[in-house]
Amino acid sequence: MTEFTIHGVVCQVLPVERMAEVVSDDPQGEASLHIVGNCTVNGQRYVLICKSNSDQQNGSDKGLASDLLTKRELQVAMMVCEGRGNKQIAHRLHLSEWTVSSYLRRIYAKLGVRTRTAMVASLLCSAGSSPGDGHQLS
């Protein structure tokens, strides 16, 4: 299980089979769980879950990604969300791989994240994704 924080919200990537453990770890229901994405890697299904308590939900208004990122940064970010690698993004947008990497570093800084996975989670959370919205990371 991988755990990271985005704007004070704890997120986890874990196998689908372990979701029951996460729910049972909070018997009082004090944290709100949001499934913001899922993917399949080597035949194993994983989910991306964001957990936040009511204090975090009430105080977290960081704005939408569309307000923080330039049009080109949004294009790069959306292609990452589609599962494309830097080389594919560079080819599609007629950029060098170095330029794509530079865009990603700026996106990470603006969103306050350090990894592609955290960036995707942040974008899905800012878009208001919730279970059943059809967002899928595969």
C-alpha atoms as a PDB file:
ATOM      1  CA  MET A   1       0.000   0.000   0.000  1.00  0.00           C
ATOM      2  CA  THR A   2       1.331   3.417  -1.002  1.00  0.00           C
ATOM      3  CA  GLU A   3       0.247   6.441   1.033  1.00  0.00           C
ATOM      4  CA  PHE A   4       0.824  10.127   0.255  1.00  0.00           C
ATOM      5  CA  THR A   5      -0.710  13.513   1.057  1.00  0.00           C
ATOM      6  CA  ILE A   6      -2.210  16.052  -1.338  1.00  0.00           C
ATOM      7  CA  HIS A   7      -3.141  19.447   0.151  1.00  0.00           C
ATOM      8  CA  GLY A   8      -3.540  17.825   3.580  1.00  0.00           C
ATOM      9  CA  VAL A   9      -5.678  14.943   2.291  1.00  0.00           C
ATOM     10  CA  VAL A  10      -4.305  11.458   2.874  1.00  0.00           C
ATOM     11  CA  CYS A  11      -4.460   9.282  -0.250  1.00  0.00           C
ATOM     12  CA  GLN A  12      -3.694   5.598  -0.676  1.00  0.00           C
ATOM     13  CA  VAL A  13      -3.166   3.241  -3.591  1.00  0.00           C
ATOM     14  CA  LEU A  14      -4.102  -0.285  -2.605  1.00  0.00           C
ATOM     15  CA  PRO A  15      -5.359  -3.556  -4.061  1.00  0.00           C
ATOM     16  CA  VAL A  16      -9.157  -3.770  -4.280  1.00  0.00           C
ATOM     17  CA  GLU A  17      -9.102  -6.753  -1.914  1.00  0.00           C
ATOM     18  CA  ARG A  18      -7.688  -4.570   0.887  1.00  0.00           C
ATOM     19  CA  MET A  19     -10.437  -1.922   0.807  1.00  0.00           C
ATOM     20  CA  ALA A  20     -12.315  -3.666   3.620  1.00  0.00           C
ATOM     21  CA  GLU A  21      -9.277  -3.156   5.884  1.00  0.00           C
ATOM     22  CA  VAL A  22      -9.298   0.600   5.235  1.00  0.00           C
ATOM     23  CA  VAL A  23     -12.996   0.873   6.062  1.00  0.00           C
ATOM     24  CA  SER A  24     -12.620  -1.241   9.227  1.00  0.00           C
ATOM     25  CA  ASP A  25      -9.701   0.971  10.392  1.00  0.00           C
ATOM     26  CA  ASP A  26     -12.235   3.795  10.872  1.00  0.00           C
ATOM     27  CA  PRO A  27     -15.128   2.181  12.776  1.00  0.00           C
ATOM     28  CA  GLN A  28     -16.495   5.553  13.942  1.00  0.00           C
ATOM     29  CA  GLY A  29     -16.792   6.817  10.375  1.00  0.00           C
ATOM     30  CA  GLU A  30     -14.844   9.979  11.228  1.00  0.00           C
ATOM     31  CA  ALA A  31     -12.996  10.034   7.904  1.00  0.00           C
ATOM     32  CA  SER A  32     -14.681  10.382   4.569  1.00  0.00           C
ATOM     33  CA  LEU A  33     -13.415   7.906   1.956  1.00  0.00           C
ATOM     34  CA  HIS A  34     -13.503   8.806  -1.720  1.00  0.00           C
ATOM     35  CA  ILE A  35     -12.497   6.415  -4.483  1.00  0.00           C
ATOM     36  CA  VAL A  36     -11.026   8.742  -7.083  1.00  0.00           C
ATOM     37  CA  GLY A  37      -9.648   6.214  -9.539  1.00  0.00           C
ATOM     38  CA  ASN A  38      -8.726   2.659 -10.291  1.00  0.00           C
ATOM     39  CA  CYS A  39      -6.339   0.815 -12.540  1.00  0.00           C
ATOM     40  CA  THR A  40      -5.133  -2.661 -13.407  1.00  0.00           C
ATOM     41  CA  VAL A  41      -1.418  -3.452 -13.270  1.00  0.00           C
ATOM     42  CA  ASN A  42      -0.193  -6.925 -14.251  1.00  0.00           C
ATOM     43  CA  GLY A  43      -3.697  -8.298 -13.773  1.00  0.00           C
ATOM     44  CA  GLN A  44      -4.076  -6.821 -10.256  1.00  0.00           C
ATOM     45  CA  ARG A  45      -6.818  -4.207  -9.695  1.00  0.00           C
ATOM     46  CA  TYR A  46      -5.908  -1.197  -7.563  1.00  0.00           C
ATOM     47  CA  VAL A  47      -7.941   1.739  -6.285  1.00  0.00           C
ATOM     48  CA  LEU A  48      -6.882   5.263  -5.401  1.00  0.00           C
ATOM     49  CA  ILE A  49      -8.625   6.358  -2.207  1.00  0.00           C
ATOM     50  CA  CYS A  50      -8.553   9.797  -0.607  1.00  0.00           C
ATOM     51  CA  LYS A  51      -9.370  10.030   3.091  1.00  0.00           C
ATOM     52  CA  SER A  52     -10.203  13.309   4.764  1.00  0.00           C
ATOM     53  CA  ASN A  53     -11.932  14.236   7.975  1.00  0.00           C
ATOM     54  CA  SER A  54     -14.638  16.886   8.159  1.00  0.00           C
ATOM     55  CA  ASP A  55     -12.165  19.565   9.331  1.00  0.00           C
ATOM     56  CA  GLN A  56     -10.043  19.061   6.221  1.00  0.00           C
ATOM     57  CA  GLN A  57     -13.063  19.059   3.920  1.00  0.00           C
ATOM     58  CA  ASN A  58     -14.418  22.315   5.340  1.00  0.00           C
ATOM     59  CA  GLY A  59     -11.084  24.121   5.193  1.00  0.00           C
ATOM     60  CA  SER A  60      -9.691  22.923   1.890  1.00  0.00           C
ATOM     61  CA  ASP A  61     -10.529  25.218  -0.976  1.00  0.00           C
ATOM     62  CA  LYS A  62      -7.387  25.282  -3.078  1.00  0.00           C
ATOM     63  CA  GLY A  63      -9.131  25.992  -6.372  1.00  0.00           C
ATOM     64  CA  LEU A  64      -9.559  23.935  -9.473  1.00  0.00           C
ATOM     65  CA  ALA A  65      -6.643  22.677 -11.519  1.00  0.00           C
ATOM     66  CA  SER A  66      -7.935  24.751 -14.435  1.00  0.00           C
ATOM     67  CA  ASP A  67      -7.351  27.870 -12.325  1.00  0.00           C
ATOM     68  CA  LEU A  68      -3.820  26.831 -11.348  1.00  0.00           C
ATOM     69  CA  LEU A  69      -2.463  25.389 -14.595  1.00  0.00           C
ATOM     70  CA  THR A  70      -1.864  26.880 -18.027  1.00  0.00           C
ATOM     71  CA  LYS A  71      -3.634  25.438 -21.055  1.00  0.00           C
ATOM     72  CA  ARG A  72      -0.498  23.519 -22.098  1.00  0.00           C
ATOM     73  CA  GLU A  73       0.082  22.225 -18.557  1.00  0.00           C
ATOM     74  CA  LEU A  74      -3.515  20.958 -18.528  1.00  0.00           C
ATOM     75  CA  GLN A  75      -2.937  19.203 -21.858  1.00  0.00           C
ATOM     76  CA  VAL A  76       0.158  17.466 -20.482  1.00  0.00           C
ATOM     77  CA  ALA A  77      -1.594  16.587 -17.215  1.00  0.00           C
ATOM     78  CA  MET A  78      -4.624  15.121 -18.995  1.00  0.00           C
ATOM     79  CA  MET A  79      -2.372  12.977 -21.178  1.00  0.00           C
ATOM     80  CA  VAL A  80      -0.664  11.658 -18.048  1.00  0.00           C
ATOM     81  CA  CYS A  81      -4.136  10.867 -16.671  1.00  0.00           C
ATOM     82  CA  GLU A  82      -4.753   8.856 -19.846  1.00  0.00           C
ATOM     83  CA  GLY A  83      -1.679   6.782 -19.011  1.00  0.00           C
ATOM     84  CA  ARG A  84       0.669   8.213 -21.626  1.00  0.00           C
ATOM     85  CA  GLY A  85       4.402   8.382 -21.008  1.00  0.00           C
ATOM     86  CA  ASN A  86       6.601  11.441 -21.542  1.00  0.00           C
ATOM     87  CA  LYS A  87       7.770  10.195 -24.949  1.00  0.00           C
ATOM     88  CA  GLN A  88       4.188   9.694 -26.163  1.00  0.00           C
ATOM     89  CA  ILE A  89       3.147  13.108 -24.851  1.00  0.00           C
ATOM     90  CA  ALA A  90       6.141  14.767 -26.519  1.00  0.00           C
ATOM     91  CA  HIS A  91       5.348  13.133 -29.862  1.00  0.00           C
ATOM     92  CA  ARG A  92       1.633  13.982 -29.680  1.00  0.00           C
ATOM     93  CA  LEU A  93       2.200  17.640 -28.726  1.00  0.00           C
ATOM     94  CA  HIS A  94       5.284  18.119 -30.943  1.00  0.00           C
ATOM     95  CA  LEU A  95       7.547  18.864 -27.961  1.00  0.00           C
ATOM     96  CA  SER A  96      10.831  17.454 -26.735  1.00  0.00           C
ATOM     97  CA  GLU A  97      10.796  14.974 -23.845  1.00  0.00           C
ATOM     98  CA  TRP A  98      12.785  17.543 -21.852  1.00  0.00           C
ATOM     99  CA  THR A  99      10.002  20.108 -22.339  1.00  0.00           C
ATOM    100  CA  VAL A 100       7.373  17.591 -21.183  1.00  0.00           C
ATOM    101  CA  SER A 101       9.490  16.891 -18.079  1.00  0.00           C
ATOM    102  CA  SER A 102       9.728  20.636 -17.435  1.00  0.00           C
ATOM    103  CA  TYR A 103       5.954  20.996 -17.688  1.00  0.00           C
ATOM    104  CA  LEU A 104       5.501  18.103 -15.259  1.00  0.00           C
ATOM    105  CA  ARG A 105       7.880  19.679 -12.721  1.00  0.00           C
ATOM    106  CA  ARG A 106       5.901  22.935 -12.875  1.00  0.00           C
ATOM    107  CA  ILE A 107       2.592  21.055 -12.561  1.00  0.00           C
ATOM    108  CA  TYR A 108       3.894  19.143  -9.527  1.00  0.00           C
ATOM    109  CA  ALA A 109       5.002  22.402  -7.897  1.00  0.00           C
ATOM    110  CA  LYS A 110       1.671  24.128  -8.544  1.00  0.00           C
ATOM    111  CA  LEU A 111      -0.348  21.175  -7.226  1.00  0.00           C
ATOM    112  CA  GLY A 112       1.997  20.537  -4.289  1.00  0.00           C
ATOM    113  CA  VAL A 113       2.747  16.940  -5.279  1.00  0.00           C
ATOM    114  CA  ARG A 114       5.876  14.903  -6.048  1.00  0.00           C
ATOM    115  CA  THR A 115       4.712  12.006  -8.233  1.00  0.00           C
ATOM    116  CA  ARG A 116       2.587  11.276 -11.306  1.00  0.00           C
ATOM    117  CA  THR A 117       0.179   9.256  -9.165  1.00  0.00           C
ATOM    118  CA  ALA A 118      -0.263  12.128  -6.716  1.00  0.00           C
ATOM    119  CA  MET A 119      -0.766  14.533  -9.625  1.00  0.00           C
ATOM    120  CA  VAL A 120      -3.528  12.359 -11.109  1.00  0.00           C
ATOM    121  CA  ALA A 121      -5.187  12.024  -7.693  1.00  0.00           C
ATOM    122  CA  SER A 122      -5.026  15.776  -7.161  1.00  0.00           C
ATOM    123  CA  LEU A 123      -6.578  16.443 -10.563  1.00  0.00           C
ATOM    124  CA  LEU A 124      -9.365  13.944  -9.957  1.00  0.00           C
ATOM    125  CA  CYS A 125     -10.064  15.398  -6.500  1.00  0.00           C
ATOM    126  CA  SER A 126     -10.136  18.960  -7.865  1.00  0.00           C
ATOM    127  CA  ALA A 127     -12.553  17.823 -10.573  1.00  0.00           C
ATOM    128  CA  GLY A 128     -14.904  16.593  -7.850  1.00  0.00           C
ATOM    129  CA  SER A 129     -14.630  12.961  -8.864  1.00  0.00           C
ATOM    130  CA  SER A 130     -16.523  10.543  -6.691  1.00  0.00           C
ATOM    131  CA  PRO A 131     -17.340   6.839  -6.814  1.00  0.00           C
ATOM    132  CA  GLY A 132     -19.368   5.925  -9.868  1.00  0.00           C
ATOM    133  CA  ASP A 133     -18.353   8.969 -11.914  1.00  0.00           C
ATOM    134  CA  GLY A 134     -16.710   6.724 -14.462  1.00  0.00           C
ATOM    135  CA  HIS A 135     -13.174   8.050 -13.977  1.00  0.00           C
ATOM    136  CA  GLN A 136     -10.754   5.245 -14.648  1.00  0.00           C
ATOM    137  CA  LEU A 137      -6.968   5.228 -14.706  1.00  0.00           C
ATOM    138  CA  SER A 138      -6.092   2.321 -16.955  1.00  0.00           C
END
